[in-house]
Amino acid sequence: MKQINEQEFDQAIKSGVVLVDFFATWCMPCRMMSQILEGVAPEIAGKAEIYKVDVDECENLARKFGVMSIPTLVFFKDGKEVEKHVGVMQHADCVNTIKKYL
């Protein structure tokens, strides 16, 4: 999982299925979500990408995607937002949501 900034964002979500985790380093639920995503990443390797966006460093992106609470997971397909989840999402739910858009 790579952390990306505003300059890298559009290129990162441009094609395929992408999950973006909007998080903050001080957020305990975000840390839990990060551990879950570390387990998800090997399962979806080669099929989809997972990126992280720090809301404190990328306030404009957080605002653009309506991130009011963290963690917020935004799923993209070919550059278009297809689904959003606020709060910690369980491993199986993450994998199933990604597979839905493959």
PDB file of N, CA and C in Angstrom:
ATOM      1  N   MET A   1       0.850  -1.183   0.000  1.00  0.00           N
ATOM      2  CA  MET A   1       0.000   0.000   0.000  1.00  0.00           C
ATOM      3  C   MET A   1       0.888   1.236   0.000  1.00  0.00           C
ATOM      4  N   LYS A   2       0.623   2.078  -0.942  1.00  0.00           N
ATOM      5  CA  LYS A   2       1.419   3.285  -1.079  1.00  0.00           C
ATOM      6  C   LYS A   2       0.603   4.487  -0.633  1.00  0.00           C
ATOM      7  N   GLN A   3       1.232   5.385   0.112  1.00  0.00           N
ATOM      8  CA  GLN A   3       0.594   6.643   0.451  1.00  0.00           C
ATOM      9  C   GLN A   3       0.833   7.613  -0.698  1.00  0.00           C
ATOM     10  N   ILE A   4      -0.242   8.253  -1.150  1.00  0.00           N
ATOM     11  CA  ILE A   4      -0.136   9.174  -2.276  1.00  0.00           C
ATOM     12  C   ILE A   4      -0.567  10.574  -1.852  1.00  0.00           C
ATOM     13  N   ASN A   5      -0.131  11.562  -2.659  1.00  0.00           N
ATOM     14  CA  ASN A   5      -0.507  12.947  -2.387  1.00  0.00           C
ATOM     15  C   ASN A   5      -1.445  13.443  -3.490  1.00  0.00           C
ATOM     16  N   GLU A   6      -1.789  14.712  -3.410  1.00  0.00           N
ATOM     17  CA  GLU A   6      -2.739  15.279  -4.371  1.00  0.00           C
ATOM     18  C   GLU A   6      -2.224  15.230  -5.803  1.00  0.00           C
ATOM     19  N   GLN A   7      -0.923  15.401  -5.996  1.00  0.00           N
ATOM     20  CA  GLN A   7      -0.351  15.386  -7.336  1.00  0.00           C
ATOM     21  C   GLN A   7      -0.403  13.990  -7.966  1.00  0.00           C
ATOM     22  N   GLU A   8      -0.332  12.967  -7.160  1.00  0.00           N
ATOM     23  CA  GLU A   8      -0.329  11.591  -7.662  1.00  0.00           C
ATOM     24  C   GLU A   8      -1.722  10.987  -7.793  1.00  0.00           C
ATOM     25  N   PHE A   9      -2.703  11.620  -7.185  1.00  0.00           N
ATOM     26  CA  PHE A   9      -4.027  11.017  -7.024  1.00  0.00           C
ATOM     27  C   PHE A   9      -4.708  10.653  -8.341  1.00  0.00           C
ATOM     28  N   ASP A  10      -4.848  11.608  -9.236  1.00  0.00           N
ATOM     29  CA  ASP A  10      -5.591  11.359 -10.482  1.00  0.00           C
ATOM     30  C   ASP A  10      -4.979  10.215 -11.288  1.00  0.00           C
ATOM     31  N   GLN A  11      -3.661  10.169 -11.350  1.00  0.00           N
ATOM     32  CA  GLN A  11      -2.985   9.097 -12.077  1.00  0.00           C
ATOM     33  C   GLN A  11      -3.221   7.748 -11.390  1.00  0.00           C
ATOM     34  N   ALA A  12      -3.228   7.747 -10.050  1.00  0.00           N
ATOM     35  CA  ALA A  12      -3.374   6.510  -9.284  1.00  0.00           C
ATOM     36  C   ALA A  12      -4.741   5.862  -9.481  1.00  0.00           C
ATOM     37  N   ILE A  13      -5.795   6.681  -9.603  1.00  0.00           N
ATOM     38  CA  ILE A  13      -7.145   6.114  -9.708  1.00  0.00           C
ATOM     39  C   ILE A  13      -7.622   5.977 -11.149  1.00  0.00           C
ATOM     40  N   LYS A  14      -6.795   6.371 -12.103  1.00  0.00           N
ATOM     41  CA  LYS A  14      -7.200   6.493 -13.506  1.00  0.00           C
ATOM     42  C   LYS A  14      -7.778   5.219 -14.120  1.00  0.00           C
ATOM     43  N   SER A  15      -7.192   4.073 -13.821  1.00  0.00           N
ATOM     44  CA  SER A  15      -7.683   2.857 -14.467  1.00  0.00           C
ATOM     45  C   SER A  15      -7.742   1.696 -13.487  1.00  0.00           C
ATOM     46  N   GLY A  16      -8.656   0.794 -13.789  1.00  0.00           N
ATOM     47  CA  GLY A  16      -8.832  -0.391 -12.963  1.00  0.00           C
ATOM     48  C   GLY A  16      -9.612  -0.093 -11.696  1.00  0.00           C
ATOM     49  N   VAL A  17      -9.568  -1.059 -10.772  1.00  0.00           N
ATOM     50  CA  VAL A  17     -10.257  -0.932  -9.493  1.00  0.00           C
ATOM     51  C   VAL A  17      -9.241  -0.467  -8.455  1.00  0.00           C
ATOM     52  N   VAL A  18      -9.593   0.610  -7.762  1.00  0.00           N
ATOM     53  CA  VAL A  18      -8.686   1.208  -6.783  1.00  0.00           C
ATOM     54  C   VAL A  18      -9.469   1.508  -5.506  1.00  0.00           C
ATOM     55  N   LEU A  19      -8.883   1.139  -4.384  1.00  0.00           N
ATOM     56  CA  LEU A  19      -9.433   1.482  -3.070  1.00  0.00           C
ATOM     57  C   LEU A  19      -8.520   2.538  -2.461  1.00  0.00           C
ATOM     58  N   VAL A  20      -9.108   3.668  -2.068  1.00  0.00           N
ATOM     59  CA  VAL A  20      -8.339   4.730  -1.418  1.00  0.00           C
ATOM     60  C   VAL A  20      -8.810   4.837   0.025  1.00  0.00           C
ATOM     61  N   ASP A  21      -7.854   4.696   0.939  1.00  0.00           N
ATOM     62  CA  ASP A  21      -8.101   4.803   2.369  1.00  0.00           C
ATOM     63  C   ASP A  21      -7.735   6.212   2.816  1.00  0.00           C
ATOM     64  N   PHE A  22      -8.748   7.033   3.136  1.00  0.00           N
ATOM     65  CA  PHE A  22      -8.510   8.358   3.689  1.00  0.00           C
ATOM     66  C   PHE A  22      -8.340   8.190   5.193  1.00  0.00           C
ATOM     67  N   PHE A  23      -7.183   8.615   5.722  1.00  0.00           N
ATOM     68  CA  PHE A  23      -6.830   8.330   7.111  1.00  0.00           C
ATOM     69  C   PHE A  23      -6.072   9.506   7.723  1.00  0.00           C
ATOM     70  N   ALA A  24      -5.784   9.394   9.017  1.00  0.00           N
ATOM     71  CA  ALA A  24      -4.879  10.317   9.710  1.00  0.00           C
ATOM     72  C   ALA A  24      -4.005   9.474  10.639  1.00  0.00           C
ATOM     73  N   THR A  25      -2.773   9.907  10.829  1.00  0.00           N
ATOM     74  CA  THR A  25      -1.819   9.134  11.632  1.00  0.00           C
ATOM     75  C   THR A  25      -2.241   9.046  13.093  1.00  0.00           C
ATOM     76  N   TRP A  26      -2.976  10.019  13.599  1.00  0.00           N
ATOM     77  CA  TRP A  26      -3.387  10.059  15.002  1.00  0.00           C
ATOM     78  C   TRP A  26      -4.687   9.286  15.280  1.00  0.00           C
ATOM     79  N   CYS A  27      -5.307   8.752  14.262  1.00  0.00           N
ATOM     80  CA  CYS A  27      -6.631   8.117  14.358  1.00  0.00           C
ATOM     81  C   CYS A  27      -6.498   6.618  14.654  1.00  0.00           C
ATOM     82  N   MET A  28      -6.971   6.188  15.819  1.00  0.00           N
ATOM     83  CA  MET A  28      -6.867   4.766  16.184  1.00  0.00           C
ATOM     84  C   MET A  28      -7.672   3.844  15.251  1.00  0.00           C
ATOM     85  N   PRO A  29      -8.927   4.170  14.917  1.00  0.00           N
ATOM     86  CA  PRO A  29      -9.638   3.305  13.967  1.00  0.00           C
ATOM     87  C   PRO A  29      -8.913   3.219  12.612  1.00  0.00           C
ATOM     88  N   CYS A  30      -8.220   4.309  12.219  1.00  0.00           N
ATOM     89  CA  CYS A  30      -7.455   4.299  10.969  1.00  0.00           C
ATOM     90  C   CYS A  30      -6.310   3.295  11.052  1.00  0.00           C
ATOM     91  N   ARG A  31      -5.691   3.204  12.206  1.00  0.00           N
ATOM     92  CA  ARG A  31      -4.612   2.231  12.389  1.00  0.00           C
ATOM     93  C   ARG A  31      -5.149   0.806  12.285  1.00  0.00           C
ATOM     94  N   MET A  32      -6.334   0.580  12.858  1.00  0.00           N
ATOM     95  CA  MET A  32      -6.972  -0.733  12.731  1.00  0.00           C
ATOM     96  C   MET A  32      -7.256  -1.044  11.264  1.00  0.00           C
ATOM     97  N   MET A  33      -7.773  -0.038  10.545  1.00  0.00           N
ATOM     98  CA  MET A  33      -8.098  -0.221   9.131  1.00  0.00           C
ATOM     99  C   MET A  33      -6.843  -0.512   8.324  1.00  0.00           C
ATOM    100  N   SER A  34      -5.759   0.139   8.667  1.00  0.00           N
ATOM    101  CA  SER A  34      -4.492  -0.082   7.971  1.00  0.00           C
ATOM    102  C   SER A  34      -4.040  -1.532   8.115  1.00  0.00           C
ATOM    103  N   GLN A  35      -4.180  -2.089   9.308  1.00  0.00           N
ATOM    104  CA  GLN A  35      -3.808  -3.493   9.532  1.00  0.00           C
ATOM    105  C   GLN A  35      -4.694  -4.429   8.708  1.00  0.00           C
ATOM    106  N   ILE A  36      -5.978  -4.115   8.647  1.00  0.00           N
ATOM    107  CA  ILE A  36      -6.895  -4.930   7.845  1.00  0.00           C
ATOM    108  C   ILE A  36      -6.495  -4.872   6.371  1.00  0.00           C
ATOM    109  N   LEU A  37      -6.191  -3.672   5.878  1.00  0.00           N
ATOM    110  CA  LEU A  37      -5.824  -3.512   4.468  1.00  0.00           C
ATOM    111  C   LEU A  37      -4.508  -4.195   4.144  1.00  0.00           C
ATOM    112  N   GLU A  38      -3.589  -4.270   5.108  1.00  0.00           N
ATOM    113  CA  GLU A  38      -2.348  -5.011   4.886  1.00  0.00           C
ATOM    114  C   GLU A  38      -2.636  -6.487   4.630  1.00  0.00           C
ATOM    115  N   GLY A  39      -3.699  -7.008   5.226  1.00  0.00           N
ATOM    116  CA  GLY A  39      -4.116  -8.385   4.973  1.00  0.00           C
ATOM    117  C   GLY A  39      -4.871  -8.543   3.666  1.00  0.00           C
ATOM    118  N   VAL A  40      -5.574  -7.500   3.256  1.00  0.00           N
ATOM    119  CA  VAL A  40      -6.350  -7.527   2.007  1.00  0.00           C
ATOM    120  C   VAL A  40      -5.418  -7.436   0.796  1.00  0.00           C
ATOM    121  N   ALA A  41      -4.379  -6.625   0.902  1.00  0.00           N
ATOM    122  CA  ALA A  41      -3.495  -6.331  -0.241  1.00  0.00           C
ATOM    123  C   ALA A  41      -2.990  -7.579  -0.970  1.00  0.00           C
ATOM    124  N   PRO A  42      -2.479  -8.605  -0.260  1.00  0.00           N
ATOM    125  CA  PRO A  42      -1.999  -9.783  -0.990  1.00  0.00           C
ATOM    126  C   PRO A  42      -3.117 -10.528  -1.740  1.00  0.00           C
ATOM    127  N   GLU A  43      -4.335 -10.467  -1.218  1.00  0.00           N
ATOM    128  CA  GLU A  43      -5.458 -11.166  -1.857  1.00  0.00           C
ATOM    129  C   GLU A  43      -5.879 -10.532  -3.170  1.00  0.00           C
ATOM    130  N   ILE A  44      -5.675  -9.227  -3.282  1.00  0.00           N
ATOM    131  CA  ILE A  44      -6.134  -8.532  -4.491  1.00  0.00           C
ATOM    132  C   ILE A  44      -4.969  -8.112  -5.391  1.00  0.00           C
ATOM    133  N   ALA A  45      -3.777  -8.526  -5.015  1.00  0.00           N
ATOM    134  CA  ALA A  45      -2.580  -8.154  -5.786  1.00  0.00           C
ATOM    135  C   ALA A  45      -2.737  -8.552  -7.251  1.00  0.00           C
ATOM    136  N   GLY A  46      -2.406  -7.618  -8.135  1.00  0.00           N
ATOM    137  CA  GLY A  46      -2.516  -7.871  -9.569  1.00  0.00           C
ATOM    138  C   GLY A  46      -3.905  -7.657 -10.131  1.00  0.00           C
ATOM    139  N   LYS A  47      -4.894  -7.464  -9.243  1.00  0.00           N
ATOM    140  CA  LYS A  47      -6.274  -7.268  -9.690  1.00  0.00           C
ATOM    141  C   LYS A  47      -6.766  -5.855  -9.396  1.00  0.00           C
ATOM    142  N   ALA A  48      -6.310  -5.301  -8.272  1.00  0.00           N
ATOM    143  CA  ALA A  48      -6.738  -3.973  -7.833  1.00  0.00           C
ATOM    144  C   ALA A  48      -5.605  -3.352  -7.025  1.00  0.00           C
ATOM    145  N   GLU A  49      -5.727  -2.060  -6.778  1.00  0.00           N
ATOM    146  CA  GLU A  49      -4.704  -1.324  -6.027  1.00  0.00           C
ATOM    147  C   GLU A  49      -5.317  -0.725  -4.772  1.00  0.00           C
ATOM    148  N   ILE A  50      -4.487  -0.566  -3.752  1.00  0.00           N
ATOM    149  CA  ILE A  50      -4.893   0.128  -2.535  1.00  0.00           C
ATOM    150  C   ILE A  50      -3.909   1.270  -2.305  1.00  0.00           C
ATOM    151  N   TYR A  51      -4.459   2.467  -2.104  1.00  0.00           N
ATOM    152  CA  TYR A  51      -3.645   3.631  -1.798  1.00  0.00           C
ATOM    153  C   TYR A  51      -4.169   4.283  -0.528  1.00  0.00           C
ATOM    154  N   LYS A  52      -3.296   5.026   0.139  1.00  0.00           N
ATOM    155  CA  LYS A  52      -3.655   5.743   1.347  1.00  0.00           C
ATOM    156  C   LYS A  52      -3.469   7.238   1.114  1.00  0.00           C
ATOM    157  N   VAL A  53      -4.403   8.029   1.651  1.00  0.00           N
ATOM    158  CA  VAL A  53      -4.321   9.483   1.566  1.00  0.00           C
ATOM    159  C   VAL A  53      -4.469  10.040   2.979  1.00  0.00           C
ATOM    160  N   ASP A  54      -3.454  10.777   3.432  1.00  0.00           N
ATOM    161  CA  ASP A  54      -3.482  11.404   4.752  1.00  0.00           C
ATOM    162  C   ASP A  54      -4.320  12.678   4.652  1.00  0.00           C
ATOM    163  N   VAL A  55      -5.432  12.718   5.383  1.00  0.00           N
ATOM    164  CA  VAL A  55      -6.353  13.857   5.283  1.00  0.00           C
ATOM    165  C   VAL A  55      -5.742  15.151   5.819  1.00  0.00           C
ATOM    166  N   ASP A  56      -4.767  15.045   6.717  1.00  0.00           N
ATOM    167  CA  ASP A  56      -4.110  16.243   7.235  1.00  0.00           C
ATOM    168  C   ASP A  56      -3.176  16.859   6.199  1.00  0.00           C
ATOM    169  N   GLU A  57      -2.608  16.025   5.339  1.00  0.00           N
ATOM    170  CA  GLU A  57      -1.703  16.508   4.294  1.00  0.00           C
ATOM    171  C   GLU A  57      -2.436  16.846   3.002  1.00  0.00           C
ATOM    172  N   CYS A  58      -3.598  16.252   2.796  1.00  0.00           N
ATOM    173  CA  CYS A  58      -4.338  16.412   1.534  1.00  0.00           C
ATOM    174  C   CYS A  58      -5.772  16.859   1.816  1.00  0.00           C
ATOM    175  N   GLU A  59      -5.899  18.010   2.458  1.00  0.00           N
ATOM    176  CA  GLU A  59      -7.225  18.503   2.846  1.00  0.00           C
ATOM    177  C   GLU A  59      -8.143  18.709   1.647  1.00  0.00           C
ATOM    178  N   ASN A  60      -7.589  19.163   0.530  1.00  0.00           N
ATOM    179  CA  ASN A  60      -8.416  19.406  -0.657  1.00  0.00           C
ATOM    180  C   ASN A  60      -9.032  18.122  -1.194  1.00  0.00           C
ATOM    181  N   LEU A  61      -8.255  17.035  -1.198  1.00  0.00           N
ATOM    182  CA  LEU A  61      -8.790  15.744  -1.650  1.00  0.00           C
ATOM    183  C   LEU A  61      -9.882  15.261  -0.704  1.00  0.00           C
ATOM    184  N   ALA A  62      -9.623  15.380   0.594  1.00  0.00           N
ATOM    185  CA  ALA A  62     -10.623  14.949   1.572  1.00  0.00           C
ATOM    186  C   ALA A  62     -11.926  15.725   1.365  1.00  0.00           C
ATOM    187  N   ARG A  63     -11.808  17.013   1.150  1.00  0.00           N
ATOM    188  CA  ARG A  63     -12.989  17.851   0.922  1.00  0.00           C
ATOM    189  C   ARG A  63     -13.692  17.447  -0.381  1.00  0.00           C
ATOM    190  N   LYS A  64     -12.907  17.233  -1.425  1.00  0.00           N
ATOM    191  CA  LYS A  64     -13.460  16.879  -2.741  1.00  0.00           C
ATOM    192  C   LYS A  64     -14.316  15.618  -2.673  1.00  0.00           C
ATOM    193  N   PHE A  65     -13.896  14.649  -1.852  1.00  0.00           N
ATOM    194  CA  PHE A  65     -14.628  13.386  -1.759  1.00  0.00           C
ATOM    195  C   PHE A  65     -15.529  13.312  -0.533  1.00  0.00           C
ATOM    196  N   GLY A  66     -15.786  14.442   0.085  1.00  0.00           N
ATOM    197  CA  GLY A  66     -16.752  14.507   1.182  1.00  0.00           C
ATOM    198  C   GLY A  66     -16.356  13.717   2.410  1.00  0.00           C
ATOM    199  N   VAL A  67     -15.068  13.640   2.687  1.00  0.00           N
ATOM    200  CA  VAL A  67     -14.598  12.891   3.853  1.00  0.00           C
ATOM    201  C   VAL A  67     -14.827  13.744   5.096  1.00  0.00           C
ATOM    202  N   MET A  68     -15.775  13.310   5.924  1.00  0.00           N
ATOM    203  CA  MET A  68     -16.112  14.035   7.153  1.00  0.00           C
ATOM    204  C   MET A  68     -15.632  13.268   8.384  1.00  0.00           C
ATOM    205  N   SER A  69     -15.531  11.957   8.261  1.00  0.00           N
ATOM    206  CA  SER A  69     -15.064  11.087   9.342  1.00  0.00           C
ATOM    207  C   SER A  69     -14.025  10.145   8.749  1.00  0.00           C
ATOM    208  N   ILE A  70     -13.118   9.707   9.604  1.00  0.00           N
ATOM    209  CA  ILE A  70     -12.091   8.771   9.140  1.00  0.00           C
ATOM    210  C   ILE A  70     -12.063   7.557  10.049  1.00  0.00           C
ATOM    211  N   PRO A  71     -11.690   6.404   9.510  1.00  0.00           N
ATOM    212  CA  PRO A  71     -11.302   6.191   8.124  1.00  0.00           C
ATOM    213  C   PRO A  71     -12.503   6.229   7.178  1.00  0.00           C
ATOM    214  N   THR A  72     -12.249   6.703   5.969  1.00  0.00           N
ATOM    215  CA  THR A  72     -13.230   6.622   4.885  1.00  0.00           C
ATOM    216  C   THR A  72     -12.558   5.894   3.736  1.00  0.00           C
ATOM    217  N   LEU A  73     -13.221   4.850   3.254  1.00  0.00           N
ATOM    218  CA  LEU A  73     -12.713   4.074   2.123  1.00  0.00           C
ATOM    219  C   LEU A  73     -13.538   4.449   0.900  1.00  0.00           C
ATOM    220  N   VAL A  74     -12.845   4.858  -0.162  1.00  0.00           N
ATOM    221  CA  VAL A  74     -13.527   5.205  -1.409  1.00  0.00           C
ATOM    222  C   VAL A  74     -13.033   4.244  -2.484  1.00  0.00           C
ATOM    223  N   PHE A  75     -13.983   3.583  -3.126  1.00  0.00           N
ATOM    224  CA  PHE A  75     -13.679   2.616  -4.183  1.00  0.00           C
ATOM    225  C   PHE A  75     -13.893   3.290  -5.532  1.00  0.00           C
ATOM    226  N   PHE A  76     -12.915   3.128  -6.417  1.00  0.00           N
ATOM    227  CA  PHE A  76     -12.968   3.712  -7.756  1.00  0.00           C
ATOM    228  C   PHE A  76     -12.860   2.615  -8.798  1.00  0.00           C
ATOM    229  N   LYS A  77     -13.527   2.837  -9.927  1.00  0.00           N
ATOM    230  CA  LYS A  77     -13.366   1.972 -11.097  1.00  0.00           C
ATOM    231  C   LYS A  77     -13.117   2.889 -12.279  1.00  0.00           C
ATOM    232  N   ASP A  78     -11.953   2.730 -12.897  1.00  0.00           N
ATOM    233  CA  ASP A  78     -11.568   3.534 -14.052  1.00  0.00           C
ATOM    234  C   ASP A  78     -11.762   5.035 -13.806  1.00  0.00           C
ATOM    235  N   GLY A  79     -11.324   5.483 -12.621  1.00  0.00           N
ATOM    236  CA  GLY A  79     -11.340   6.897 -12.303  1.00  0.00           C
ATOM    237  C   GLY A  79     -12.627   7.452 -11.744  1.00  0.00           C
ATOM    238  N   LYS A  80     -13.681   6.644 -11.693  1.00  0.00           N
ATOM    239  CA  LYS A  80     -14.976   7.097 -11.184  1.00  0.00           C
ATOM    240  C   LYS A  80     -15.255   6.467  -9.826  1.00  0.00           C
ATOM    241  N   GLU A  81     -15.731   7.292  -8.886  1.00  0.00           N
ATOM    242  CA  GLU A  81     -16.114   6.772  -7.574  1.00  0.00           C
ATOM    243  C   GLU A  81     -17.336   5.874  -7.734  1.00  0.00           C
ATOM    244  N   VAL A  82     -17.234   4.635  -7.202  1.00  0.00           N
ATOM    245  CA  VAL A  82     -18.351   3.701  -7.320  1.00  0.00           C
ATOM    246  C   VAL A  82     -18.962   3.342  -5.967  1.00  0.00           C
ATOM    247  N   GLU A  83     -18.199   3.557  -4.886  1.00  0.00           N
ATOM    248  CA  GLU A  83     -18.719   3.205  -3.569  1.00  0.00           C
ATOM    249  C   GLU A  83     -17.882   3.893  -2.505  1.00  0.00           C
ATOM    250  N   LYS A  84     -18.519   4.152  -1.350  1.00  0.00           N
ATOM    251  CA  LYS A  84     -17.818   4.786  -0.227  1.00  0.00           C
ATOM    252  C   LYS A  84     -18.256   4.106   1.065  1.00  0.00           C
ATOM    253  N   HIS A  85     -17.303   3.923   1.966  1.00  0.00           N
ATOM    254  CA  HIS A  85     -17.603   3.332   3.268  1.00  0.00           C
ATOM    255  C   HIS A  85     -16.913   4.161   4.345  1.00  0.00           C
ATOM    256  N   VAL A  86     -17.675   4.561   5.366  1.00  0.00           N
ATOM    257  CA  VAL A  86     -17.119   5.333   6.477  1.00  0.00           C
ATOM    258  C   VAL A  86     -16.975   4.417   7.684  1.00  0.00           C
ATOM    259  N   GLY A  87     -15.789   4.437   8.294  1.00  0.00           N
ATOM    260  CA  GLY A  87     -15.520   3.599   9.463  1.00  0.00           C
ATOM    261  C   GLY A  87     -14.718   2.373   9.078  1.00  0.00           C
ATOM    262  N   VAL A  88     -14.411   1.581  10.089  1.00  0.00           N
ATOM    263  CA  VAL A  88     -13.621   0.366   9.863  1.00  0.00           C
ATOM    264  C   VAL A  88     -14.460  -0.647   9.091  1.00  0.00           C
ATOM    265  N   MET A  89     -13.869  -1.212   8.056  1.00  0.00           N
ATOM    266  CA  MET A  89     -14.533  -2.221   7.221  1.00  0.00           C
ATOM    267  C   MET A  89     -13.790  -3.532   7.410  1.00  0.00           C
ATOM    268  N   GLN A  90     -14.506  -4.579   7.622  1.00  0.00           N
ATOM    269  CA  GLN A  90     -13.873  -5.873   7.861  1.00  0.00           C
ATOM    270  C   GLN A  90     -13.203  -6.427   6.598  1.00  0.00           C
ATOM    271  N   HIS A  91     -12.223  -7.274   6.810  1.00  0.00           N
ATOM    272  CA  HIS A  91     -11.412  -7.859   5.739  1.00  0.00           C
ATOM    273  C   HIS A  91     -12.280  -8.425   4.609  1.00  0.00           C
ATOM    274  N   ALA A  92     -13.181  -9.326   4.954  1.00  0.00           N
ATOM    275  CA  ALA A  92     -14.008  -9.989   3.933  1.00  0.00           C
ATOM    276  C   ALA A  92     -14.858  -8.984   3.166  1.00  0.00           C
ATOM    277  N   ASP A  93     -15.376  -7.973   3.852  1.00  0.00           N
ATOM    278  CA  ASP A  93     -16.197  -6.957   3.192  1.00  0.00           C
ATOM    279  C   ASP A  93     -15.374  -6.143   2.197  1.00  0.00           C
ATOM    280  N   CYS A  94     -14.121  -5.829   2.563  1.00  0.00           N
ATOM    281  CA  CYS A  94     -13.230  -5.107   1.638  1.00  0.00           C
ATOM    282  C   CYS A  94     -12.982  -5.928   0.380  1.00  0.00           C
ATOM    283  N   VAL A  95     -12.618  -7.187   0.584  1.00  0.00           N
ATOM    284  CA  VAL A  95     -12.318  -8.070  -0.547  1.00  0.00           C
ATOM    285  C   VAL A  95     -13.553  -8.232  -1.428  1.00  0.00           C
ATOM    286  N   ASN A  96     -14.714  -8.458  -0.819  1.00  0.00           N
ATOM    287  CA  ASN A  96     -15.938  -8.651  -1.599  1.00  0.00           C
ATOM    288  C   ASN A  96     -16.326  -7.396  -2.374  1.00  0.00           C
ATOM    289  N   THR A  97     -16.128  -6.230  -1.774  1.00  0.00           N
ATOM    290  CA  THR A  97     -16.453  -4.977  -2.475  1.00  0.00           C
ATOM    291  C   THR A  97     -15.523  -4.786  -3.673  1.00  0.00           C
ATOM    292  N   ILE A  98     -14.248  -5.052  -3.476  1.00  0.00           N
ATOM    293  CA  ILE A  98     -13.287  -4.940  -4.590  1.00  0.00           C
ATOM    294  C   ILE A  98     -13.663  -5.909  -5.695  1.00  0.00           C
ATOM    295  N   LYS A  99     -13.934  -7.158  -5.347  1.00  0.00           N
ATOM    296  CA  LYS A  99     -14.284  -8.183  -6.350  1.00  0.00           C
ATOM    297  C   LYS A  99     -15.539  -7.821  -7.131  1.00  0.00           C
ATOM    298  N   LYS A 100     -16.455  -7.107  -6.489  1.00  0.00           N
ATOM    299  CA  LYS A 100     -17.690  -6.696  -7.145  1.00  0.00           C
ATOM    300  C   LYS A 100     -17.417  -5.832  -8.382  1.00  0.00           C
ATOM    301  N   TYR A 101     -16.303  -5.092  -8.368  1.00  0.00           N
ATOM    302  CA  TYR A 101     -16.009  -4.161  -9.463  1.00  0.00           C
ATOM    303  C   TYR A 101     -14.932  -4.658 -10.429  1.00  0.00           C
ATOM    304  N   LEU A 102     -14.426  -5.856 -10.196  1.00  0.00           N
ATOM    305  CA  LEU A 102     -13.377  -6.403 -11.097  1.00  0.00           C
ATOM    306  C   LEU A 102     -13.977  -6.817 -12.426  1.00  0.00           C
TER     307      LEU A 102
END
